[in-house]
N, C-alpha and C. Protein backbone atom coordinates (compact mmCIF):
# COMPACT_ATOMS: atom_id res chain seq x y z
N MET A 1 18.46 -20.01 -9.20
CA MET A 1 18.19 -18.57 -9.38
C MET A 1 19.27 -18.76 -10.73
N GLU A 2 20.17 -19.48 -10.58
CA GLU A 2 21.23 -19.48 -11.69
C GLU A 2 20.24 -20.59 -12.97
N GLU A 3 19.44 -21.28 -12.63
CA GLU A 3 18.70 -22.23 -13.75
C GLU A 3 17.76 -20.95 -14.55
N LEU A 4 17.40 -20.22 -13.90
CA LEU A 4 16.10 -19.02 -14.18
C LEU A 4 17.02 -18.29 -14.73
N GLY A 5 18.04 -17.98 -14.41
CA GLY A 5 18.97 -17.27 -15.36
C GLY A 5 19.60 -17.62 -16.63
N ARG A 6 19.71 -18.54 -16.46
CA ARG A 6 20.44 -19.56 -17.76
C ARG A 6 19.13 -19.39 -18.77
N LEU A 7 17.56 -19.81 -18.42
CA LEU A 7 16.69 -19.78 -19.43
C LEU A 7 16.63 -18.43 -19.99
N CYS A 8 16.72 -17.62 -19.14
CA CYS A 8 16.27 -16.04 -19.68
C CYS A 8 17.61 -15.49 -20.47
N GLY A 9 18.58 -15.99 -20.71
CA GLY A 9 19.77 -15.47 -20.95
C GLY A 9 20.43 -14.17 -19.84
N HIS A 10 20.22 -14.68 -18.90
CA HIS A 10 20.46 -13.46 -18.17
C HIS A 10 21.59 -14.11 -16.93
N THR A 11 22.54 -13.19 -16.18
CA THR A 11 23.19 -13.62 -15.05
C THR A 11 22.42 -13.58 -13.80
N SER A 12 22.53 -14.07 -12.77
CA SER A 12 21.69 -14.61 -11.47
C SER A 12 21.31 -12.73 -10.87
N HIS A 13 22.35 -12.14 -11.39
CA HIS A 13 22.06 -10.74 -10.53
C HIS A 13 21.44 -9.96 -11.81
N GLN A 14 21.20 -9.98 -12.86
CA GLN A 14 20.15 -9.67 -13.65
C GLN A 14 18.98 -9.84 -13.79
N THR A 15 18.85 -11.32 -13.39
CA THR A 15 17.50 -11.86 -13.40
C THR A 15 16.94 -11.33 -11.80
N ALA A 16 17.95 -11.36 -10.79
CA ALA A 16 17.07 -10.50 -9.44
C ALA A 16 16.87 -9.14 -9.67
N GLU A 17 17.52 -8.28 -10.35
CA GLU A 17 17.33 -6.68 -10.89
C GLU A 17 15.95 -6.69 -11.49
N LEU A 18 15.60 -7.73 -12.77
CA LEU A 18 14.38 -7.78 -13.26
C LEU A 18 13.06 -8.27 -12.53
N LEU A 19 13.40 -9.32 -11.59
CA LEU A 19 12.27 -9.55 -10.58
C LEU A 19 11.74 -8.31 -9.51
N ASN A 20 13.02 -7.59 -9.34
CA ASN A 20 12.60 -6.58 -8.35
C ASN A 20 11.81 -5.38 -9.20
N ARG A 21 12.09 -5.35 -10.24
CA ARG A 21 11.43 -4.50 -11.40
C ARG A 21 10.26 -4.70 -11.31
N LEU A 22 9.84 -6.26 -11.61
CA LEU A 22 8.58 -6.67 -11.87
C LEU A 22 7.62 -6.39 -10.55
N VAL A 23 8.50 -6.34 -9.38
CA VAL A 23 7.38 -5.84 -7.96
C VAL A 23 7.46 -4.62 -8.13
N ALA A 24 8.14 -4.01 -8.37
CA ALA A 24 8.15 -2.27 -8.03
C ALA A 24 7.07 -2.10 -9.30
N THR A 25 7.09 -2.46 -10.51
CA THR A 25 5.87 -1.98 -11.06
C THR A 25 4.33 -2.80 -10.90
N GLY A 26 4.38 -3.81 -10.10
CA GLY A 26 3.10 -4.26 -10.05
C GLY A 26 2.96 -5.60 -10.25
N SER A 27 3.79 -5.89 -11.20
CA SER A 27 3.26 -7.10 -11.92
C SER A 27 3.01 -8.50 -11.17
N LEU A 28 4.51 -8.44 -10.31
CA LEU A 28 4.65 -9.14 -9.27
C LEU A 28 4.20 -8.92 -7.84
N ALA A 29 3.74 -9.71 -6.89
CA ALA A 29 3.37 -9.20 -5.79
C ALA A 29 4.44 -9.36 -4.94
N PHE A 30 5.27 -10.33 -5.16
CA PHE A 30 6.93 -10.59 -4.48
C PHE A 30 7.70 -11.70 -5.05
N TRP A 31 8.77 -11.69 -4.69
CA TRP A 31 9.84 -12.88 -5.35
C TRP A 31 11.00 -12.96 -4.41
N ARG A 32 10.97 -14.51 -3.98
CA ARG A 32 12.02 -14.67 -3.08
C ARG A 32 12.97 -16.09 -3.66
N GLN A 33 14.16 -16.12 -3.02
CA GLN A 33 15.25 -17.20 -3.34
C GLN A 33 15.16 -17.94 -1.74
N GLY A 34 15.17 -19.33 -1.72
CA GLY A 34 15.51 -19.92 -0.67
C GLY A 34 15.45 -21.39 -0.81
N GLY A 35 15.21 -21.96 0.28
CA GLY A 35 15.22 -23.83 -0.05
C GLY A 35 16.81 -24.29 0.00
N GLU A 36 16.87 -25.42 0.17
CA GLU A 36 18.17 -26.09 -0.07
C GLU A 36 18.62 -25.66 -1.45
N LEU A 37 17.69 -26.01 -2.62
CA LEU A 37 18.08 -25.73 -3.89
C LEU A 37 18.06 -24.36 -4.36
N GLY A 38 18.06 -23.36 -3.57
CA GLY A 38 17.83 -22.03 -3.78
C GLY A 38 16.47 -21.71 -4.89
N GLU A 39 15.47 -22.45 -4.71
CA GLU A 39 14.48 -22.26 -5.54
C GLU A 39 14.15 -20.94 -5.35
N VAL A 40 13.52 -20.22 -6.69
CA VAL A 40 12.96 -19.16 -6.69
C VAL A 40 11.40 -18.95 -6.72
N THR A 41 10.65 -18.44 -5.83
CA THR A 41 9.28 -18.48 -5.75
C THR A 41 9.09 -16.84 -6.11
N TRP A 42 7.68 -16.84 -6.61
CA TRP A 42 7.25 -15.69 -6.75
C TRP A 42 5.57 -15.48 -6.98
N ALA A 43 4.98 -14.51 -6.76
CA ALA A 43 3.13 -14.53 -7.03
C ALA A 43 3.20 -13.46 -7.66
N LEU A 44 2.16 -13.68 -8.85
CA LEU A 44 1.75 -12.45 -9.47
C LEU A 44 1.05 -11.77 -8.57
N ALA A 45 0.76 -10.43 -9.08
CA ALA A 45 -0.10 -9.28 -8.00
C ALA A 45 -1.58 -9.88 -8.24
N GLY A 46 -1.89 -9.96 -7.19
CA GLY A 46 -3.46 -10.80 -6.76
C GLY A 46 -3.71 -12.20 -7.16
N GLN A 47 -2.44 -12.70 -6.61
CA GLN A 47 -2.58 -14.17 -6.92
C GLN A 47 -1.98 -14.76 -5.62
N ARG A 48 -2.25 -16.02 -5.33
CA ARG A 48 -1.29 -16.70 -3.84
C ARG A 48 -0.38 -17.16 -4.26
N PRO A 49 0.69 -17.50 -3.51
CA PRO A 49 1.98 -17.75 -3.86
C PRO A 49 1.71 -19.16 -4.42
N GLN A 50 2.56 -19.88 -5.10
CA GLN A 50 2.67 -21.14 -5.50
C GLN A 50 4.01 -21.83 -4.89
N ALA A 51 3.86 -22.96 -4.48
CA ALA A 51 4.83 -23.81 -3.78
C ALA A 51 5.85 -23.99 -4.21
N PRO A 52 7.46 -23.94 -3.87
CA PRO A 52 8.43 -23.86 -4.67
C PRO A 52 8.46 -25.25 -5.70
N GLY A 53 7.76 -26.29 -5.54
CA GLY A 53 7.92 -27.44 -6.23
C GLY A 53 7.45 -26.93 -7.43
N VAL A 54 6.31 -26.12 -7.38
CA VAL A 54 5.32 -25.87 -8.61
C VAL A 54 6.42 -24.95 -9.53
N VAL A 55 7.40 -24.14 -8.81
CA VAL A 55 7.98 -23.24 -9.83
C VAL A 55 9.36 -24.39 -10.49
N ARG A 56 9.84 -24.85 -9.99
CA ARG A 56 10.69 -26.00 -10.10
C ARG A 56 10.47 -26.75 -11.21
N GLU A 57 9.09 -27.46 -11.39
CA GLU A 57 8.49 -28.00 -12.16
C GLU A 57 8.47 -27.42 -13.71
N LEU A 58 7.90 -25.90 -13.03
CA LEU A 58 8.06 -25.09 -14.53
C LEU A 58 9.49 -24.77 -15.37
N LEU A 59 10.41 -25.10 -14.85
CA LEU A 59 11.59 -24.60 -14.82
C LEU A 59 12.35 -25.90 -15.72
N ARG A 60 11.85 -27.22 -15.66
CA ARG A 60 12.13 -28.19 -16.43
C ARG A 60 11.77 -28.35 -17.83
């Protein structure tokens, strides 16, 4: 979450709020943070979720 927030220019809290708003508006089906490295995973509305490794690679 920290890395995603840094890339977006937000704090972790702001990033979580943004992701929650995207879920509320229907842009994302869901998001979650977990795993031993705190990976953030999400699924666009109408798509199946990606594996955490895919998200991690997108952040590099």
